[in-house]
PDB file of N, CA and C in Angstrom:
ATOM      1  N   MET A   1       5.945 -33.709  -6.723  1.00  0.00           N
ATOM      2  CA  MET A   1       5.918 -33.290  -5.339  1.00  0.00           C
ATOM      3  C   MET A   1       6.929 -32.168  -5.096  1.00  0.00           C
ATOM      4  N   LYS A   2       8.142 -32.338  -5.631  1.00  0.00           N
ATOM      5  CA  LYS A   2       9.177 -31.329  -5.448  1.00  0.00           C
ATOM      6  C   LYS A   2       8.753 -30.000  -6.087  1.00  0.00           C
ATOM      7  N   ASN A   3       8.156 -30.057  -7.286  1.00  0.00           N
ATOM      8  CA  ASN A   3       7.686 -28.868  -7.987  1.00  0.00           C
ATOM      9  C   ASN A   3       6.605 -28.158  -7.177  1.00  0.00           C
ATOM     10  N   MET A   4       5.727 -28.931  -6.542  1.00  0.00           N
ATOM     11  CA  MET A   4       4.665 -28.343  -5.725  1.00  0.00           C
ATOM     12  C   MET A   4       5.238 -27.616  -4.513  1.00  0.00           C
ATOM     13  N   LYS A   5       6.274 -28.189  -3.894  1.00  0.00           N
ATOM     14  CA  LYS A   5       6.914 -27.546  -2.736  1.00  0.00           C
ATOM     15  C   LYS A   5       7.569 -26.224  -3.142  1.00  0.00           C
ATOM     16  N   SER A   6       8.242 -26.219  -4.302  1.00  0.00           N
ATOM     17  CA  SER A   6       8.903 -24.986  -4.729  1.00  0.00           C
ATOM     18  C   SER A   6       7.874 -23.910  -5.065  1.00  0.00           C
ATOM     19  N   LYS A   7       6.727 -24.302  -5.636  1.00  0.00           N
ATOM     20  CA  LYS A   7       5.673 -23.329  -5.915  1.00  0.00           C
ATOM     21  C   LYS A   7       5.084 -22.789  -4.625  1.00  0.00           C
ATOM     22  N   SER A   8       4.952 -23.653  -3.619  1.00  0.00           N
ATOM     23  CA  SER A   8       4.431 -23.214  -2.323  1.00  0.00           C
ATOM     24  C   SER A   8       5.367 -22.194  -1.689  1.00  0.00           C
ATOM     25  N   TRP A   9       6.666 -22.474  -1.735  1.00  0.00           N
ATOM     26  CA  TRP A   9       7.630 -21.534  -1.159  1.00  0.00           C
ATOM     27  C   TRP A   9       7.628 -20.211  -1.913  1.00  0.00           C
ATOM     28  N   MET A  10       7.476 -20.290  -3.243  1.00  0.00           N
ATOM     29  CA  MET A  10       7.439 -19.067  -4.038  1.00  0.00           C
ATOM     30  C   MET A  10       6.217 -18.234  -3.669  1.00  0.00           C
ATOM     31  N   LEU A  11       5.069 -18.878  -3.490  1.00  0.00           N
ATOM     32  CA  LEU A  11       3.850 -18.171  -3.097  1.00  0.00           C
ATOM     33  C   LEU A  11       4.038 -17.506  -1.736  1.00  0.00           C
ATOM     34  N   VAL A  12       4.643 -18.219  -0.796  1.00  0.00           N
ATOM     35  CA  VAL A  12       4.901 -17.660   0.537  1.00  0.00           C
ATOM     36  C   VAL A  12       5.810 -16.438   0.417  1.00  0.00           C
ATOM     37  N   ALA A  13       6.851 -16.541  -0.401  1.00  0.00           N
ATOM     38  CA  ALA A  13       7.777 -15.414  -0.565  1.00  0.00           C
ATOM     39  C   ALA A  13       7.083 -14.209  -1.175  1.00  0.00           C
ATOM     40  N   VAL A  14       6.245 -14.444  -2.207  1.00  0.00           N
ATOM     41  CA  VAL A  14       5.519 -13.340  -2.853  1.00  0.00           C
ATOM     42  C   VAL A  14       4.564 -12.681  -1.862  1.00  0.00           C
ATOM     43  N   LEU A  15       3.815 -13.486  -1.116  1.00  0.00           N
ATOM     44  CA  LEU A  15       2.879 -12.929  -0.132  1.00  0.00           C
ATOM     45  C   LEU A  15       3.612 -12.156   0.956  1.00  0.00           C
ATOM     46  N   LEU A  16       4.730 -12.700   1.421  1.00  0.00           N
ATOM     47  CA  LEU A  16       5.489 -12.013   2.464  1.00  0.00           C
ATOM     48  C   LEU A  16       6.023 -10.687   1.958  1.00  0.00           C
ATOM     49  N   PHE A  17       6.605 -10.677   0.755  1.00  0.00           N
ATOM     50  CA  PHE A  17       7.134  -9.439   0.205  1.00  0.00           C
ATOM     51  C   PHE A  17       6.026  -8.411   0.014  1.00  0.00           C
ATOM     52  N   GLY A  18       4.900  -8.835  -0.554  1.00  0.00           N
ATOM     53  CA  GLY A  18       3.775  -7.917  -0.747  1.00  0.00           C
ATOM     54  C   GLY A  18       3.266  -7.380   0.567  1.00  0.00           C
ATOM     55  N   THR A  19       3.201  -8.248   1.563  1.00  0.00           N
ATOM     56  CA  THR A  19       2.738  -7.825   2.884  1.00  0.00           C
ATOM     57  C   THR A  19       3.675  -6.780   3.464  1.00  0.00           C
ATOM     58  N   LEU A  20       4.966  -7.049   3.396  1.00  0.00           N
ATOM     59  CA  LEU A  20       5.933  -6.101   3.953  1.00  0.00           C
ATOM     60  C   LEU A  20       5.937  -4.788   3.189  1.00  0.00           C
ATOM     61  N   ALA A  21       5.800  -4.849   1.871  1.00  0.00           N
ATOM     62  CA  ALA A  21       5.857  -3.636   1.052  1.00  0.00           C
ATOM     63  C   ALA A  21       4.673  -2.723   1.281  1.00  0.00           C
ATOM     64  N   ILE A  22       3.464  -3.291   1.340  1.00  0.00           N
ATOM     65  CA  ILE A  22       2.275  -2.453   1.452  1.00  0.00           C
ATOM     66  C   ILE A  22       1.831  -2.295   2.892  1.00  0.00           C
ATOM     67  N   GLN A  23       1.868  -3.373   3.661  1.00  0.00           N
ATOM     68  CA  GLN A  23       1.382  -3.301   5.036  1.00  0.00           C
ATOM     69  C   GLN A  23       2.185  -2.295   5.846  1.00  0.00           C
ATOM     70  N   ASN A  24       3.450  -2.159   5.544  1.00  0.00           N
ATOM     71  CA  ASN A  24       4.286  -1.246   6.298  1.00  0.00           C
ATOM     72  C   ASN A  24       4.217   0.172   5.769  1.00  0.00           C
ATOM     73  N   ALA A  25       3.184   0.476   5.011  1.00  0.00           N
ATOM     74  CA  ALA A  25       3.031   1.833   4.494  1.00  0.00           C
ATOM     75  C   ALA A  25       2.992   2.834   5.638  1.00  0.00           C
ATOM     76  N   SER A  26       2.336   2.481   6.745  1.00  0.00           N
ATOM     77  CA  SER A  26       2.273   3.418   7.866  1.00  0.00           C
ATOM     78  C   SER A  26       3.649   3.655   8.458  1.00  0.00           C
ATOM     79  N   ALA A  27       4.541   2.663   8.392  1.00  0.00           N
ATOM     80  CA  ALA A  27       5.899   2.846   8.887  1.00  0.00           C
ATOM     81  C   ALA A  27       6.659   3.815   7.991  1.00  0.00           C
ATOM     82  N   ASN A  28       6.248   3.938   6.730  1.00  0.00           N
ATOM     83  CA  ASN A  28       6.896   4.833   5.781  1.00  0.00           C
ATOM     84  C   ASN A  28       6.248   6.208   5.755  1.00  0.00           C
ATOM     85  N   GLU A  29       5.362   6.463   6.661  1.00  0.00           N
ATOM     86  CA  GLU A  29       4.676   7.744   6.707  1.00  0.00           C
ATOM     87  C   GLU A  29       5.695   8.876   6.720  1.00  0.00           C
ATOM     88  N   GLY A  30       5.528   9.811   5.802  1.00  0.00           N
ATOM     89  CA  GLY A  30       6.418  10.955   5.744  1.00  0.00           C
ATOM     90  C   GLY A  30       7.754  10.679   5.070  1.00  0.00           C
ATOM     91  N   GLN A  31       7.922   9.500   4.478  1.00  0.00           N
ATOM     92  CA  GLN A  31       9.162   9.129   3.796  1.00  0.00           C
ATOM     93  C   GLN A  31       8.989   9.316   2.292  1.00  0.00           C
ATOM     94  N   PRO A  32      10.094   9.511   1.547  1.00  0.00           N
ATOM     95  CA  PRO A  32       9.975   9.576   0.092  1.00  0.00           C
ATOM     96  C   PRO A  32       9.397   8.273  -0.455  1.00  0.00           C
ATOM     97  N   ILE A  33       8.622   8.383  -1.537  1.00  0.00           N
ATOM     98  CA  ILE A  33       8.064   7.225  -2.215  1.00  0.00           C
ATOM     99  C   ILE A  33       8.351   7.357  -3.704  1.00  0.00           C
ATOM    100  N   VAL A  34       8.389   6.232  -4.402  1.00  0.00           N
ATOM    101  CA  VAL A  34       8.620   6.256  -5.848  1.00  0.00           C
ATOM    102  C   VAL A  34       7.416   6.905  -6.507  1.00  0.00           C
ATOM    103  N   ARG A  35       7.680   7.843  -7.424  1.00  0.00           N
ATOM    104  CA  ARG A  35       6.607   8.555  -8.113  1.00  0.00           C
ATOM    105  C   ARG A  35       5.984   7.651  -9.165  1.00  0.00           C
ATOM    106  N   VAL A  36       4.652   7.651  -9.218  1.00  0.00           N
ATOM    107  CA  VAL A  36       3.896   6.907 -10.225  1.00  0.00           C
ATOM    108  C   VAL A  36       3.304   7.924 -11.186  1.00  0.00           C
ATOM    109  N   GLY A  37       3.649   7.812 -12.454  1.00  0.00           N
ATOM    110  CA  GLY A  37       3.140   8.775 -13.428  1.00  0.00           C
ATOM    111  C   GLY A  37       3.742  10.146 -13.188  1.00  0.00           C
ATOM    112  N   ASP A  38       2.919  11.169 -13.379  1.00  0.00           N
ATOM    113  CA  ASP A  38       3.418  12.539 -13.268  1.00  0.00           C
ATOM    114  C   ASP A  38       2.950  13.231 -11.996  1.00  0.00           C
ATOM    115  N   SER A  39       2.217  12.521 -11.138  1.00  0.00           N
ATOM    116  CA  SER A  39       1.660  13.187  -9.968  1.00  0.00           C
ATOM    117  C   SER A  39       2.184  12.595  -8.670  1.00  0.00           C
ATOM    118  N   CYS A  40       1.979  13.339  -7.613  1.00  0.00           N
ATOM    119  CA  CYS A  40       2.303  12.891  -6.260  1.00  0.00           C
ATOM    120  C   CYS A  40       1.041  13.006  -5.418  1.00  0.00           C
ATOM    121  N   PRO A  41       0.927  12.193  -4.376  1.00  0.00           N
ATOM    122  CA  PRO A  41      -0.258  12.306  -3.516  1.00  0.00           C
ATOM    123  C   PRO A  41      -0.232  13.605  -2.716  1.00  0.00           C
ATOM    124  N   SER A  42      -1.387  13.970  -2.158  1.00  0.00           N
ATOM    125  CA  SER A  42      -1.454  15.193  -1.367  1.00  0.00           C
ATOM    126  C   SER A  42      -0.474  15.107  -0.208  1.00  0.00           C
ATOM    127  N   GLY A  43       0.182  16.233   0.069  1.00  0.00           N
ATOM    128  CA  GLY A  43       1.184  16.302   1.125  1.00  0.00           C
ATOM    129  C   GLY A  43       2.597  16.032   0.636  1.00  0.00           C
ATOM    130  N   TYR A  44       2.726  15.662  -0.654  1.00  0.00           N
ATOM    131  CA  TYR A  44       4.029  15.357  -1.246  1.00  0.00           C
ATOM    132  C   TYR A  44       4.280  16.278  -2.429  1.00  0.00           C
ATOM    133  N   ARG A  45       5.557  16.393  -2.822  1.00  0.00           N
ATOM    134  CA  ARG A  45       5.939  17.142  -4.017  1.00  0.00           C
ATOM    135  C   ARG A  45       6.920  16.301  -4.816  1.00  0.00           C
ATOM    136  N   LYS A  46       7.021  16.598  -6.126  1.00  0.00           N
ATOM    137  CA  LYS A  46       7.942  15.863  -6.997  1.00  0.00           C
ATOM    138  C   LYS A  46       9.381  16.222  -6.675  1.00  0.00           C
ATOM    139  N   SER A  47      10.246  15.210  -6.734  1.00  0.00           N
ATOM    140  CA  SER A  47      11.683  15.397  -6.621  1.00  0.00           C
ATOM    141  C   SER A  47      12.324  14.296  -7.450  1.00  0.00           C
ATOM    142  N   GLY A  48      12.613  14.616  -8.706  1.00  0.00           N
ATOM    143  CA  GLY A  48      13.139  13.603  -9.617  1.00  0.00           C
ATOM    144  C   GLY A  48      12.093  12.516  -9.843  1.00  0.00           C
ATOM    145  N   GLU A  49      12.464  11.278  -9.619  1.00  0.00           N
ATOM    146  CA  GLU A  49      11.561  10.145  -9.806  1.00  0.00           C
ATOM    147  C   GLU A  49      10.832   9.781  -8.514  1.00  0.00           C
ATOM    148  N   TYR A  50      10.889  10.670  -7.527  1.00  0.00           N
ATOM    149  CA  TYR A  50      10.279  10.408  -6.230  1.00  0.00           C
ATOM    150  C   TYR A  50       9.264  11.478  -5.863  1.00  0.00           C
ATOM    151  N   CYS A  51       8.458  11.165  -4.868  1.00  0.00           N
ATOM    152  CA  CYS A  51       7.590  12.130  -4.213  1.00  0.00           C
ATOM    153  C   CYS A  51       8.122  12.245  -2.785  1.00  0.00           C
ATOM    154  N   VAL A  52       8.387  13.458  -2.363  1.00  0.00           N
ATOM    155  CA  VAL A  52       8.914  13.691  -1.020  1.00  0.00           C
ATOM    156  C   VAL A  52       7.931  14.569  -0.249  1.00  0.00           C
ATOM    157  N   PRO A  53       7.900  14.418   1.072  1.00  0.00           N
ATOM    158  CA  PRO A  53       6.981  15.257   1.862  1.00  0.00           C
ATOM    159  C   PRO A  53       7.257  16.732   1.634  1.00  0.00           C
ATOM    160  N   ARG A  54       6.188  17.514   1.555  1.00  0.00           N
ATOM    161  CA  ARG A  54       6.337  18.969   1.420  1.00  0.00           C
ATOM    162  C   ARG A  54       6.943  19.515   2.710  1.00  0.00           C
ATOM    163  N   SER A  55       7.872  20.443   2.578  1.00  0.00           N
ATOM    164  CA  SER A  55       8.486  21.019   3.770  1.00  0.00           C
ATOM    165  C   SER A  55       7.481  21.914   4.487  1.00  0.00           C
ATOM    166  N   GLY A  56       7.569  21.942   5.797  1.00  0.00           N
ATOM    167  CA  GLY A  56       6.695  22.785   6.595  1.00  0.00           C
ATOM    168  C   GLY A  56       5.324  22.198   6.844  1.00  0.00           C
ATOM    169  N   SER A  57       5.013  21.044   6.241  1.00  0.00           N
ATOM    170  CA  SER A  57       3.701  20.445   6.481  1.00  0.00           C
ATOM    171  C   SER A  57       3.837  19.349   7.530  1.00  0.00           C
ATOM    172  N   THR A  58       2.720  19.005   8.117  1.00  0.00           N
ATOM    173  CA  THR A  58       2.755  17.888   9.046  1.00  0.00           C
ATOM    174  C   THR A  58       3.083  16.638   8.239  1.00  0.00           C
ATOM    175  N   SER A  59       3.491  15.614   8.884  1.00  0.00           N
ATOM    176  CA  SER A  59       3.870  14.383   8.199  1.00  0.00           C
ATOM    177  C   SER A  59       2.709  13.886   7.347  1.00  0.00           C
ATOM    178  N   PRO A  60       2.903  13.802   6.021  1.00  0.00           N
ATOM    179  CA  PRO A  60       1.805  13.348   5.166  1.00  0.00           C
ATOM    180  C   PRO A  60       1.511  11.871   5.409  1.00  0.00           C
ATOM    181  N   PRO A  61       0.297  11.432   5.094  1.00  0.00           N
ATOM    182  CA  PRO A  61      -0.038  10.020   5.299  1.00  0.00           C
ATOM    183  C   PRO A  61       0.750   9.121   4.356  1.00  0.00           C
ATOM    184  N   ALA A  62       0.916   7.884   4.748  1.00  0.00           N
ATOM    185  CA  ALA A  62       1.549   6.902   3.876  1.00  0.00           C
ATOM    186  C   ALA A  62       0.679   6.720   2.640  1.00  0.00           C
ATOM    187  N   ALA A  63       1.296   6.422   1.519  1.00  0.00           N
ATOM    188  CA  ALA A  63       0.556   6.258   0.270  1.00  0.00           C
ATOM    189  C   ALA A  63       0.923   4.923  -0.357  1.00  0.00           C
ATOM    190  N   ILE A  64      -0.063   4.282  -0.992  1.00  0.00           N
ATOM    191  CA  ILE A  64       0.178   3.060  -1.743  1.00  0.00           C
ATOM    192  C   ILE A  64      -0.243   3.307  -3.179  1.00  0.00           C
ATOM    193  N   GLU A  65       0.399   2.624  -4.117  1.00  0.00           N
ATOM    194  CA  GLU A  65       0.054   2.793  -5.523  1.00  0.00           C
ATOM    195  C   GLU A  65      -1.384   2.348  -5.754  1.00  0.00           C
ATOM    196  N   LYS A  66      -2.137   3.171  -6.502  1.00  0.00           N
ATOM    197  CA  LYS A  66      -3.539   2.878  -6.786  1.00  0.00           C
ATOM    198  C   LYS A  66      -3.627   1.832  -7.891  1.00  0.00           C
ATOM    199  N   LYS A  67      -4.331   0.753  -7.609  1.00  0.00           N
ATOM    200  CA  LYS A  67      -4.579  -0.306  -8.594  1.00  0.00           C
ATOM    201  C   LYS A  67      -6.079  -0.532  -8.610  1.00  0.00           C
ATOM    202  N   GLY A  68      -6.763   0.035  -9.592  1.00  0.00           N
ATOM    203  CA  GLY A  68      -8.226  -0.048  -9.623  1.00  0.00           C
ATOM    204  C   GLY A  68      -8.809   0.906  -8.597  1.00  0.00           C
ATOM    205  N   THR A  69      -9.757   0.429  -7.822  1.00  0.00           N
ATOM    206  CA  THR A  69     -10.400   1.234  -6.786  1.00  0.00           C
ATOM    207  C   THR A  69      -9.589   1.149  -5.503  1.00  0.00           C
ATOM    208  N   CYS A  70      -9.504   2.247  -4.766  1.00  0.00           N
ATOM    209  CA  CYS A  70      -8.780   2.223  -3.490  1.00  0.00           C
ATOM    210  C   CYS A  70      -9.473   1.272  -2.517  1.00  0.00           C
ATOM    211  N   PRO A  71      -8.691   0.630  -1.641  1.00  0.00           N
ATOM    212  CA  PRO A  71      -9.292  -0.296  -0.679  1.00  0.00           C
ATOM    213  C   PRO A  71     -10.101   0.437   0.384  1.00  0.00           C
ATOM    214  N   ALA A  72     -10.914  -0.318   1.097  1.00  0.00           N
ATOM    215  CA  ALA A  72     -11.718   0.243   2.188  1.00  0.00           C
ATOM    216  C   ALA A  72     -10.807   0.974   3.170  1.00  0.00           C
ATOM    217  N   GLY A  73     -11.221   2.167   3.587  1.00  0.00           N
ATOM    218  CA  GLY A  73     -10.435   2.965   4.524  1.00  0.00           C
ATOM    219  C   GLY A  73      -9.445   3.905   3.860  1.00  0.00           C
ATOM    220  N   TYR A  74      -9.367   3.864   2.527  1.00  0.00           N
ATOM    221  CA  TYR A  74      -8.431   4.697   1.772  1.00  0.00           C
ATOM    222  C   TYR A  74      -9.194   5.518   0.738  1.00  0.00           C
ATOM    223  N   ARG A  75      -8.586   6.623   0.290  1.00  0.00           N
ATOM    224  CA  ARG A  75      -9.177   7.466  -0.738  1.00  0.00           C
ATOM    225  C   ARG A  75      -8.127   7.742  -1.819  1.00  0.00           C
ATOM    226  N   LYS A  76      -8.604   8.108  -3.000  1.00  0.00           N
ATOM    227  CA  LYS A  76      -7.713   8.395  -4.128  1.00  0.00           C
ATOM    228  C   LYS A  76      -7.024   9.741  -3.929  1.00  0.00           C
ATOM    229  N   SER A  77      -5.743   9.775  -4.280  1.00  0.00           N
ATOM    230  CA  SER A  77      -4.972  11.017  -4.312  1.00  0.00           C
ATOM    231  C   SER A  77      -3.983  10.878  -5.460  1.00  0.00           C
ATOM    232  N   GLY A  78      -4.350  11.390  -6.630  1.00  0.00           N
ATOM    233  CA  GLY A  78      -3.521  11.206  -7.821  1.00  0.00           C
ATOM    234  C   GLY A  78      -3.511   9.745  -8.218  1.00  0.00           C
ATOM    235  N   GLU A  79      -2.350   9.180  -8.402  1.00  0.00           N
ATOM    236  CA  GLU A  79      -2.208   7.764  -8.767  1.00  0.00           C
ATOM    237  C   GLU A  79      -1.989   6.896  -7.528  1.00  0.00           C
ATOM    238  N   TYR A  80      -2.361   7.421  -6.374  1.00  0.00           N
ATOM    239  CA  TYR A  80      -2.131   6.742  -5.102  1.00  0.00           C
ATOM    240  C   TYR A  80      -3.426   6.600  -4.309  1.00  0.00           C
ATOM    241  N   CYS A  81      -3.375   5.767  -3.299  1.00  0.00           N
ATOM    242  CA  CYS A  81      -4.434   5.665  -2.304  1.00  0.00           C
ATOM    243  C   CYS A  81      -3.821   6.063  -0.977  1.00  0.00           C
ATOM    244  N   VAL A  82      -4.472   6.968  -0.274  1.00  0.00           N
ATOM    245  CA  VAL A  82      -3.988   7.414   1.037  1.00  0.00           C
ATOM    246  C   VAL A  82      -5.088   7.157   2.069  1.00  0.00           C
ATOM    247  N   PRO A  83      -4.700   6.930   3.311  1.00  0.00           N
ATOM    248  CA  PRO A  83      -5.710   6.671   4.339  1.00  0.00           C
ATOM    249  C   PRO A  83      -6.683   7.833   4.481  1.00  0.00           C
ATOM    250  N   ARG A  84      -7.955   7.508   4.720  1.00  0.00           N
ATOM    251  CA  ARG A  84      -8.952   8.543   5.028  1.00  0.00           C
ATOM    252  C   ARG A  84      -8.662   9.067   6.422  1.00  0.00           C
ATOM    253  N   SER A  85      -9.027  10.285   6.704  1.00  0.00           N
ATOM    254  CA  SER A  85      -8.899  10.888   8.036  1.00  0.00           C
ATOM    255  C   SER A  85      -7.495  10.808   8.605  1.00  0.00           C
ATOM    256  N   GLY A  86      -6.474  11.036   7.792  1.00  0.00           N
ATOM    257  CA  GLY A  86      -5.115  11.101   8.295  1.00  0.00           C
ATOM    258  C   GLY A  86      -4.475   9.770   8.616  1.00  0.00           C
ATOM    259  N   GLY A  87      -5.201   8.678   8.483  1.00  0.00           N
ATOM    260  CA  GLY A  87      -4.597   7.371   8.635  1.00  0.00           C
ATOM    261  C   GLY A  87      -4.614   6.771  10.018  1.00  0.00           C
ATOM    262  N   ALA A  88      -5.183   7.472  11.009  1.00  0.00           N
ATOM    263  CA  ALA A  88      -5.169   6.944  12.363  1.00  0.00           C
ATOM    264  C   ALA A  88      -5.881   5.602  12.464  1.00  0.00           C
ATOM    265  N   THR A  89      -6.918   5.399  11.645  1.00  0.00           N
ATOM    266  CA  THR A  89      -7.687   4.156  11.711  1.00  0.00           C
ATOM    267  C   THR A  89      -7.593   3.346  10.419  1.00  0.00           C
ATOM    268  N   ALA A  90      -6.657   3.665   9.552  1.00  0.00           N
ATOM    269  CA  ALA A  90      -6.540   2.954   8.278  1.00  0.00           C
ATOM    270  C   ALA A  90      -6.115   1.511   8.517  1.00  0.00           C
ATOM    271  N   PRO A  91      -6.794   0.579   7.868  1.00  0.00           N
ATOM    272  CA  PRO A  91      -6.424  -0.828   8.033  1.00  0.00           C
ATOM    273  C   PRO A  91      -5.128  -1.152   7.290  1.00  0.00           C
ATOM    274  N   ASN A  92      -4.468  -2.227   7.703  1.00  0.00           N
ATOM    275  CA  ASN A  92      -3.310  -2.720   6.968  1.00  0.00           C
ATOM    276  C   ASN A  92      -3.801  -3.295   5.658  1.00  0.00           C
ATOM    277  N   VAL A  93      -3.057  -3.036   4.578  1.00  0.00           N
ATOM    278  CA  VAL A  93      -3.470  -3.426   3.236  1.00  0.00           C
ATOM    279  C   VAL A  93      -2.303  -4.095   2.527  1.00  0.00           C
ATOM    280  N   ILE A  94      -2.603  -5.157   1.760  1.00  0.00           N
ATOM    281  CA  ILE A  94      -1.609  -5.776   0.890  1.00  0.00           C
ATOM    282  C   ILE A  94      -2.222  -5.908  -0.496  1.00  0.00           C
ATOM    283  N   GLU A  95      -1.371  -5.942  -1.506  1.00  0.00           N
ATOM    284  CA  GLU A  95      -1.855  -6.136  -2.870  1.00  0.00           C
ATOM    285  C   GLU A  95      -2.396  -7.557  -2.996  1.00  0.00           C
ATOM    286  N   LYS A  96      -3.542  -7.702  -3.664  1.00  0.00           N
ATOM    287  CA  LYS A  96      -4.178  -9.015  -3.808  1.00  0.00           C
ATOM    288  C   LYS A  96      -3.478  -9.811  -4.893  1.00  0.00           C
ATOM    289  N   LYS A  97      -3.037 -11.012  -4.552  1.00  0.00           N
ATOM    290  CA  LYS A  97      -2.428 -11.973  -5.481  1.00  0.00           C
ATOM    291  C   LYS A  97      -3.126 -13.300  -5.225  1.00  0.00           C
ATOM    292  N   GLY A  98      -4.161 -13.606  -5.968  1.00  0.00           N
ATOM    293  CA  GLY A  98      -4.938 -14.819  -5.705  1.00  0.00           C
ATOM    294  C   GLY A  98      -5.885 -14.570  -4.549  1.00  0.00           C
ATOM    295  N   ALA A  99      -6.117 -15.592  -3.752  1.00  0.00           N
ATOM    296  CA  ALA A  99      -7.003 -15.454  -2.594  1.00  0.00           C
ATOM    297  C   ALA A  99      -6.285 -14.688  -1.476  1.00  0.00           C
ATOM    298  N   CYS A 100      -7.042 -13.918  -0.708  1.00  0.00           N
ATOM    299  CA  CYS A 100      -6.459 -13.189   0.418  1.00  0.00           C
ATOM    300  C   CYS A 100      -6.045 -14.182   1.505  1.00  0.00           C
ATOM    301  N   PRO A 101      -4.966 -13.860   2.231  1.00  0.00           N
ATOM    302  CA  PRO A 101      -4.536 -14.760   3.307  1.00  0.00           C
ATOM    303  C   PRO A 101      -5.500 -14.712   4.487  1.00  0.00           C
ATOM    304  N   SER A 102      -5.352 -15.644   5.377  1.00  0.00           N
ATOM    305  CA  SER A 102      -6.166 -15.706   6.581  1.00  0.00           C
ATOM    306  C   SER A 102      -6.068 -14.392   7.347  1.00  0.00           C
ATOM    307  N   GLY A 103      -7.196 -13.881   7.806  1.00  0.00           N
ATOM    308  CA  GLY A 103      -7.215 -12.629   8.551  1.00  0.00           C
ATOM    309  C   GLY A 103      -7.422 -11.396   7.693  1.00  0.00           C
ATOM    310  N   TYR A 104      -7.515 -11.594   6.367  1.00  0.00           N
ATOM    311  CA  TYR A 104      -7.713 -10.492   5.429  1.00  0.00           C
ATOM    312  C   TYR A 104      -8.957 -10.757   4.591  1.00  0.00           C
ATOM    313  N   ARG A 105      -9.567  -9.686   4.085  1.00  0.00           N
ATOM    314  CA  ARG A 105     -10.716  -9.804   3.199  1.00  0.00           C
ATOM    315  C   ARG A 105     -10.432  -9.022   1.928  1.00  0.00           C
ATOM    316  N   LYS A 106     -11.089  -9.397   0.842  1.00  0.00           N
ATOM    317  CA  LYS A 106     -10.888  -8.746  -0.447  1.00  0.00           C
ATOM    318  C   LYS A 106     -11.532  -7.366  -0.454  1.00  0.00           C
ATOM    319  N   SER A 107     -10.827  -6.389  -1.034  1.00  0.00           N
ATOM    320  CA  SER A 107     -11.359  -5.050  -1.266  1.00  0.00           C
ATOM    321  C   SER A 107     -10.742  -4.559  -2.567  1.00  0.00           C
ATOM    322  N   GLY A 108     -11.441  -4.795  -3.682  1.00  0.00           N
ATOM    323  CA  GLY A 108     -10.901  -4.432  -4.996  1.00  0.00           C
ATOM    324  C   GLY A 108      -9.667  -5.258  -5.311  1.00  0.00           C
ATOM    325  N   GLU A 109      -8.574  -4.611  -5.652  1.00  0.00           N
ATOM    326  CA  GLU A 109      -7.321  -5.295  -5.982  1.00  0.00           C
ATOM    327  C   GLU A 109      -6.422  -5.470  -4.758  1.00  0.00           C
ATOM    328  N   TYR A 110      -7.004  -5.315  -3.577  1.00  0.00           N
ATOM    329  CA  TYR A 110      -6.235  -5.387  -2.336  1.00  0.00           C
ATOM    330  C   TYR A 110      -6.852  -6.396  -1.378  1.00  0.00           C
ATOM    331  N   CYS A 111      -6.088  -6.774  -0.375  1.00  0.00           N
ATOM    332  CA  CYS A 111      -6.584  -7.544   0.761  1.00  0.00           C
ATOM    333  C   CYS A 111      -6.438  -6.638   1.973  1.00  0.00           C
ATOM    334  N   VAL A 112      -7.537  -6.476   2.704  1.00  0.00           N
ATOM    335  CA  VAL A 112      -7.590  -5.571   3.857  1.00  0.00           C
ATOM    336  C   VAL A 112      -7.686  -6.408   5.123  1.00  0.00           C
ATOM    337  N   GLU A 113      -6.841  -6.075   6.097  1.00  0.00           N
ATOM    338  CA  GLU A 113      -6.854  -6.828   7.358  1.00  0.00           C
ATOM    339  C   GLU A 113      -8.202  -6.687   8.040  1.00  0.00           C
ATOM    340  N   ARG A 114      -8.736  -7.804   8.504  1.00  0.00           N
ATOM    341  CA  ARG A 114     -10.022  -7.794   9.222  1.00  0.00           C
ATOM    342  C   ARG A 114      -9.823  -7.208  10.613  1.00  0.00           C
ATOM    343  N   GLY A 115     -10.863  -6.546  11.099  1.00  0.00           N
ATOM    344  CA  GLY A 115     -10.849  -6.056  12.474  1.00  0.00           C
ATOM    345  C   GLY A 115     -10.069  -4.782  12.701  1.00  0.00           C
ATOM    346  N   THR A 116      -9.616  -4.115  11.624  1.00  0.00           N
ATOM    347  CA  THR A 116      -8.910  -2.836  11.803  1.00  0.00           C
ATOM    348  C   THR A 116      -9.716  -1.742  11.167  1.00  0.00           C
TER     349      THR A 116
END
């Protein structure tokens, strides 16, 4: 019983961290992101181990690391997925770890919030 409780708490912690890391991508719009591979998504340029917004451009869309196919509402940009149409209607997305939580549906390797 004790082992089951600790596994439950660990699952909650993993889901919460994943949710905060990916779901808040829109909050990170225009912020530096860790570079994946040798490329940066559109609207960004390399700066050491990071991708930073290009100067003089409008705030680039938030980007999430591409794992398989991009989720619904997102398109591929290098090794990243960025919202289609500038992100105004992009759904909240979290990395899929097991079954998607309540209120989310599966989209490739991601869970996409329903109704967005």
